[in-house]
Amino acid sequence: FVCKDRRGEPKMKSIWALAVITYKEGIRNRSVLGVLFFSLFILGLNVAVSGFFMRDIGKVTVDMNLSAISFSGLLLVLFVGINLISKDIDKKTIHLVLSKQISRGKYLWGKYFGILLFIFASLMVLLAFSVATVYGINYFYTDYFENFSWIVYFQSVLFIFIKLAVLTSIMILFSSISTSSFVTLIFTICSYVVGETIEEVVFYLKTGLNGDAFSPTLLWVINISTYVFPNLAIFDFKIEAAHGLSIGLSRLGFAGCYAGTYIFLVMMVASFIFKRREFN
């Protein structure tokens, strides 16, 4: 069953068409090659320096590989994903797209899914090289990978993608508000930094001096921030993957539901704002 608009055209068809176009634009972007080459350099560096961490070679290998994938995905969102949105507005091609009886809400969702397709394809390439790196080092240093689990490793990569999906929705939100790609970049980076550290800040406030040394205004701002900004730390399973620890299904389920709910709410707000935005 496919919902149809007033003209009888399937809604998902236009969203999917925009997603495919956005995906193709993403893979043609020259910045992708730079990010991929940088990632491959980090993965190759992992092989070169692995011998310096003989006692923790397994942990260091897994941690470096997952960190390289995560950081590369972040670069793709910031430098390629933002460009895929701002380019339509700067070159006025958005007027042509919206003139095809495509609503602004569907336009944002199409762009969002297209960027996710592009990020997913890029991460799959990086994952292939990462698996080869881990497998090669594991082959030569088997004794240091006794607790290693490929299942946990792939789960960690999956939630790196989910974290990037959350960050992409935030980037879409700021793109729908701001007319400058630079402003969108700055606010997206700030959201990422806050999302990665908000859990530690809250933990420190709850355990350090019982909050008596902090002003009520600061505590109020931190509490509001926990609801406004995403807690990206819940998607980080590098420690579990490095030590071969299993991840509970309840934890995985909570992280997945949290991401889905947050993405839906942010995209709804972005669509609401974007529908009321004027283009010159």
Protein backbone atom coordinates (compact mmCIF):
# COMPACT_ATOMS: atom_id res chain seq x y z
CA PHE A 1 0.00 0.00 0.00
CA VAL A 2 1.35 3.42 -0.98
CA CYS A 3 -0.19 6.72 0.09
CA LYS A 4 -1.01 9.04 -2.76
CA ASP A 5 -1.19 12.80 -3.01
CA ARG A 6 -3.98 14.85 -4.56
CA ARG A 7 -2.71 14.15 -8.06
CA GLY A 8 -2.78 10.42 -7.43
CA GLU A 9 0.99 10.09 -7.55
CA PRO A 10 2.67 7.86 -4.96
CA LYS A 11 4.30 9.86 -2.22
CA MET A 12 7.13 7.42 -1.67
CA LYS A 13 7.96 7.43 -5.39
CA SER A 14 8.93 11.11 -5.40
CA ILE A 15 10.85 10.74 -2.12
CA TRP A 16 12.75 7.77 -3.48
CA ALA A 17 13.52 9.59 -6.73
CA LEU A 18 15.00 12.51 -4.79
CA ALA A 19 16.95 10.10 -2.60
CA VAL A 20 18.52 8.39 -5.61
CA ILE A 21 19.45 11.72 -7.20
CA THR A 22 20.98 12.93 -3.93
CA TYR A 23 22.91 9.67 -3.56
CA LYS A 24 24.36 10.01 -7.07
CA GLU A 25 25.35 13.61 -6.39
CA GLY A 26 27.06 12.48 -3.20
CA ILE A 27 29.21 9.76 -4.76
CA ARG A 28 30.27 12.18 -7.52
CA ASN A 29 31.52 14.72 -5.01
CA ARG A 30 35.31 14.98 -5.11
CA SER A 31 35.47 15.42 -1.35
CA VAL A 32 34.49 11.76 -0.97
CA LEU A 33 37.80 10.62 -2.42
CA GLY A 34 39.71 12.74 0.06
CA VAL A 35 37.76 11.31 2.99
CA LEU A 36 38.16 7.74 1.74
CA PHE A 37 41.89 8.12 1.14
CA PHE A 38 42.29 9.62 4.59
CA SER A 39 40.40 6.70 6.11
CA LEU A 40 42.47 4.16 4.21
CA PHE A 41 45.60 5.92 5.44
CA ILE A 42 44.43 5.58 9.05
CA LEU A 43 43.59 1.91 8.52
CA GLY A 44 47.00 1.33 6.93
CA LEU A 45 48.65 3.19 9.80
CA ASN A 46 46.93 0.80 12.15
CA VAL A 47 48.77 -2.09 10.52
CA ALA A 48 52.08 -0.22 10.65
CA VAL A 49 51.91 0.69 14.35
CA SER A 50 50.20 -2.45 15.62
CA GLY A 51 53.54 -3.95 16.65
CA PHE A 52 54.09 -1.15 19.18
CA PHE A 53 51.14 -2.30 21.31
CA MET A 54 51.88 -5.98 21.68
CA ARG A 55 49.98 -6.48 24.94
CA ASP A 56 46.91 -4.60 23.75
CA ILE A 57 47.24 -5.12 20.04
CA GLY A 58 43.74 -6.56 19.71
CA LYS A 59 42.09 -3.73 21.63
CA VAL A 60 44.07 -1.02 19.85
CA THR A 61 43.34 -2.51 16.42
CA VAL A 62 39.59 -2.66 16.96
CA ASP A 63 39.43 0.76 18.59
CA MET A 64 41.44 2.45 15.82
CA ASN A 65 39.38 0.83 13.09
CA LEU A 66 36.05 1.85 14.62
CA SER A 67 37.35 5.35 15.35
CA ALA A 68 38.49 5.72 11.73
CA ILE A 69 35.07 4.65 10.44
CA SER A 70 33.26 6.97 12.85
CA PHE A 71 35.45 9.99 12.09
CA SER A 72 35.23 9.39 8.35
CA GLY A 73 31.44 9.23 8.57
CA LEU A 74 31.45 12.50 10.49
CA LEU A 75 33.50 14.16 7.74
CA LEU A 76 31.08 12.86 5.11
CA VAL A 77 28.13 14.39 6.94
CA LEU A 78 29.84 17.73 7.54
CA PHE A 79 31.54 18.31 4.21
CA VAL A 80 29.47 16.35 1.72
CA GLY A 81 26.01 16.10 3.30
CA ILE A 82 25.75 19.84 3.99
CA ASN A 83 26.88 20.61 0.45
CA LEU A 84 24.13 18.39 -1.00
CA ILE A 85 21.53 20.58 0.72
CA SER A 86 23.07 24.03 0.29
CA LYS A 87 23.91 23.49 -3.39
CA ASP A 88 20.24 23.28 -4.38
CA ILE A 89 19.49 26.54 -2.57
CA ASP A 90 22.58 28.42 -3.78
CA LYS A 91 22.10 27.39 -7.42
CA LYS A 92 18.31 27.93 -7.26
CA THR A 93 17.66 24.39 -8.47
CA ILE A 94 15.30 23.95 -5.53
CA HIS A 95 12.76 26.11 -7.40
CA LEU A 96 12.79 23.61 -10.27
CA VAL A 97 12.32 20.67 -7.89
CA LEU A 98 9.48 22.28 -5.95
CA SER A 99 7.77 23.29 -9.21
CA LYS A 100 7.22 19.59 -9.95
CA GLN A 101 4.42 19.44 -7.36
CA ILE A 102 6.78 17.98 -4.79
CA SER A 103 6.04 19.27 -1.31
CA ARG A 104 8.80 20.77 0.79
CA GLY A 105 8.36 18.08 3.38
CA LYS A 106 8.92 15.34 0.82
CA TYR A 107 11.90 17.26 -0.51
CA LEU A 108 13.58 17.19 2.92
CA TRP A 109 12.81 13.52 3.45
CA GLY A 110 14.14 12.69 -0.01
CA LYS A 111 17.35 14.58 0.67
CA TYR A 112 17.66 12.91 4.06
CA PHE A 113 17.30 9.36 2.73
CA GLY A 114 19.63 10.16 -0.16
CA ILE A 115 22.35 11.33 2.20
CA LEU A 116 21.83 8.22 4.33
CA LEU A 117 22.22 6.01 1.23
CA PHE A 118 25.42 7.82 0.37
CA ILE A 119 26.81 7.49 3.90
CA PHE A 120 25.80 3.83 4.07
CA ALA A 121 27.56 3.04 0.77
CA SER A 122 30.70 4.88 1.91
CA LEU A 123 30.74 3.10 5.26
CA MET A 124 30.39 -0.26 3.52
CA VAL A 125 33.54 0.47 1.52
CA LEU A 126 35.37 1.49 4.68
CA LEU A 127 34.02 -1.55 6.52
CA ALA A 128 35.40 -3.87 3.83
CA PHE A 129 38.90 -2.44 4.26
CA SER A 130 38.48 -2.42 8.03
CA VAL A 131 37.51 -6.08 8.10
CA ALA A 132 40.54 -6.91 5.96
CA THR A 133 42.76 -4.97 8.37
CA VAL A 134 41.39 -6.64 11.49
CA TYR A 135 41.44 -10.06 9.86
CA GLY A 136 45.05 -9.63 8.74
CA ILE A 137 46.31 -8.51 12.16
CA ASN A 138 44.22 -11.22 13.81
CA TYR A 139 45.86 -13.79 11.54
CA PHE A 140 49.37 -12.84 12.66
CA TYR A 141 48.55 -12.14 16.33
CA THR A 142 45.80 -14.65 17.10
CA ASP A 143 46.64 -14.88 20.80
CA TYR A 144 45.72 -11.21 21.31
CA PHE A 145 42.23 -11.62 19.82
CA GLU A 146 40.90 -14.35 22.09
CA ASN A 147 37.84 -12.36 23.20
CA PHE A 148 37.24 -10.67 19.87
CA SER A 149 33.74 -11.06 18.38
CA TRP A 150 32.82 -10.17 14.81
CA ILE A 151 29.16 -9.88 15.86
CA VAL A 152 29.93 -7.14 18.38
CA TYR A 153 32.22 -5.47 15.85
CA PHE A 154 29.48 -5.31 13.20
CA GLN A 155 26.98 -4.13 15.81
CA SER A 156 29.34 -1.28 16.66
CA VAL A 157 29.60 -0.29 12.99
CA LEU A 158 25.82 -0.43 12.64
CA PHE A 159 25.34 1.99 15.51
CA ILE A 160 28.01 4.27 14.10
CA PHE A 161 25.74 4.53 11.06
CA ILE A 162 22.71 5.14 13.29
CA LYS A 163 24.61 7.90 15.12
CA LEU A 164 25.41 9.50 11.77
CA ALA A 165 21.74 9.21 10.82
CA VAL A 166 20.83 11.19 13.94
CA LEU A 167 23.50 13.79 13.16
CA THR A 168 22.25 14.04 9.57
CA SER A 169 18.74 14.86 10.78
CA ILE A 170 20.21 17.68 12.89
CA MET A 171 22.13 18.93 9.86
CA ILE A 172 18.87 18.90 7.85
CA LEU A 173 17.19 20.92 10.60
CA PHE A 174 19.85 23.64 10.60
CA SER A 175 19.86 23.67 6.79
CA SER A 176 16.13 24.34 6.81
CA ILE A 177 16.65 27.31 9.14
CA SER A 178 19.86 28.92 7.94
CA THR A 179 20.67 30.36 4.51
CA SER A 180 24.42 29.86 5.06
CA SER A 181 26.13 26.48 4.78
CA PHE A 182 28.89 27.75 7.08
CA VAL A 183 26.39 28.48 9.86
CA THR A 184 24.88 25.03 9.34
CA LEU A 185 28.34 23.49 9.61
CA ILE A 186 29.16 25.32 12.84
CA PHE A 187 25.88 24.45 14.54
CA THR A 188 26.09 20.82 13.43
CA ILE A 189 29.61 20.52 14.83
CA CYS A 190 28.48 22.11 18.10
CA SER A 191 25.55 19.69 18.30
CA TYR A 192 27.93 16.79 17.73
CA VAL A 193 30.31 17.95 20.47
CA VAL A 194 27.45 18.49 22.93
CA GLY A 195 25.89 15.14 22.04
CA GLU A 196 29.15 13.29 22.62
CA THR A 197 29.84 14.93 26.00
CA ILE A 198 26.40 15.61 27.50
CA GLU A 199 26.27 12.23 29.26
CA GLU A 200 29.61 12.79 30.99
CA VAL A 201 28.63 16.33 32.00
CA VAL A 202 25.37 15.16 33.54
CA PHE A 203 27.16 12.33 35.35
CA TYR A 204 29.70 14.80 36.74
CA LEU A 205 26.97 17.17 37.93
CA LYS A 206 25.11 14.34 39.66
CA THR A 207 28.17 12.88 41.37
CA GLY A 208 30.39 15.93 41.93
CA LEU A 209 29.49 17.80 45.10
CA ASN A 210 25.82 16.89 44.58
CA GLY A 211 25.46 19.95 42.34
CA ASP A 212 25.91 22.37 45.29
CA ALA A 213 28.86 24.11 43.66
CA PHE A 214 26.94 24.91 40.47
CA SER A 215 24.50 27.72 39.88
CA PRO A 216 20.80 26.86 39.38
CA THR A 217 20.93 28.54 35.96
CA LEU A 218 23.73 26.24 34.80
CA LEU A 219 21.89 23.18 36.07
CA TRP A 220 18.73 24.33 34.29
CA VAL A 221 20.61 24.82 31.01
CA ILE A 222 22.20 21.36 31.29
CA ASN A 223 18.83 19.73 31.99
CA ILE A 224 17.26 21.43 28.98
CA SER A 225 20.23 20.42 26.82
CA THR A 226 19.70 16.76 27.63
CA TYR A 227 16.27 16.95 25.97
CA VAL A 228 17.23 19.22 23.05
CA PHE A 229 20.52 17.65 22.00
CA PRO A 230 20.88 13.95 21.25
CA ASN A 231 22.89 11.71 23.55
CA LEU A 232 25.29 10.34 20.95
CA ALA A 233 27.30 8.47 23.57
CA ILE A 234 24.66 5.73 23.76
CA PHE A 235 25.58 4.68 20.20
CA ASP A 236 29.27 4.21 21.06
CA PHE A 237 30.16 0.54 21.52
CA LYS A 238 33.90 0.73 20.81
CA ILE A 239 34.81 -0.36 24.34
CA GLU A 240 32.60 -3.46 24.10
CA ALA A 241 34.00 -4.33 20.68
CA ALA A 242 37.62 -3.80 21.78
CA HIS A 243 37.21 -6.04 24.85
CA GLY A 244 34.91 -8.59 23.21
CA LEU A 245 32.02 -7.85 25.57
CA SER A 246 28.51 -8.78 24.49
CA ILE A 247 25.94 -6.00 24.17
CA GLY A 248 22.56 -6.60 25.77
CA LEU A 249 19.52 -6.65 23.52
CA SER A 250 17.76 -4.17 25.80
CA ARG A 251 20.59 -1.69 25.33
CA LEU A 252 20.58 -2.16 21.57
CA GLY A 253 16.80 -1.83 21.46
CA PHE A 254 16.78 1.31 23.57
CA ALA A 255 19.48 2.95 21.42
CA GLY A 256 17.58 2.06 18.23
CA CYS A 257 14.23 3.35 19.53
CA TYR A 258 15.87 6.51 20.86
CA ALA A 259 17.45 7.20 17.47
CA GLY A 260 14.23 6.54 15.55
CA THR A 261 12.17 8.79 17.82
CA TYR A 262 14.71 11.60 17.80
CA ILE A 263 15.13 11.50 14.00
CA PHE A 264 11.36 11.56 13.43
CA LEU A 265 10.81 14.52 15.77
CA VAL A 266 13.71 16.53 14.34
CA MET A 267 12.61 15.89 10.75
CA MET A 268 9.06 16.93 11.60
CA VAL A 269 10.34 20.21 13.05
CA ALA A 270 12.60 20.72 10.03
CA SER A 271 9.69 20.11 7.65
CA PHE A 272 7.48 22.53 9.58
CA ILE A 273 10.12 25.28 9.37
CA PHE A 274 11.07 24.55 5.78
CA LYS A 275 7.45 24.83 4.60
CA ARG A 276 7.33 28.39 5.89
CA ARG A 277 10.69 29.49 4.57
CA GLU A 278 10.91 31.97 1.72
CA PHE A 279 13.41 31.55 -1.13
CA ASN A 280 14.66 34.53 -3.09
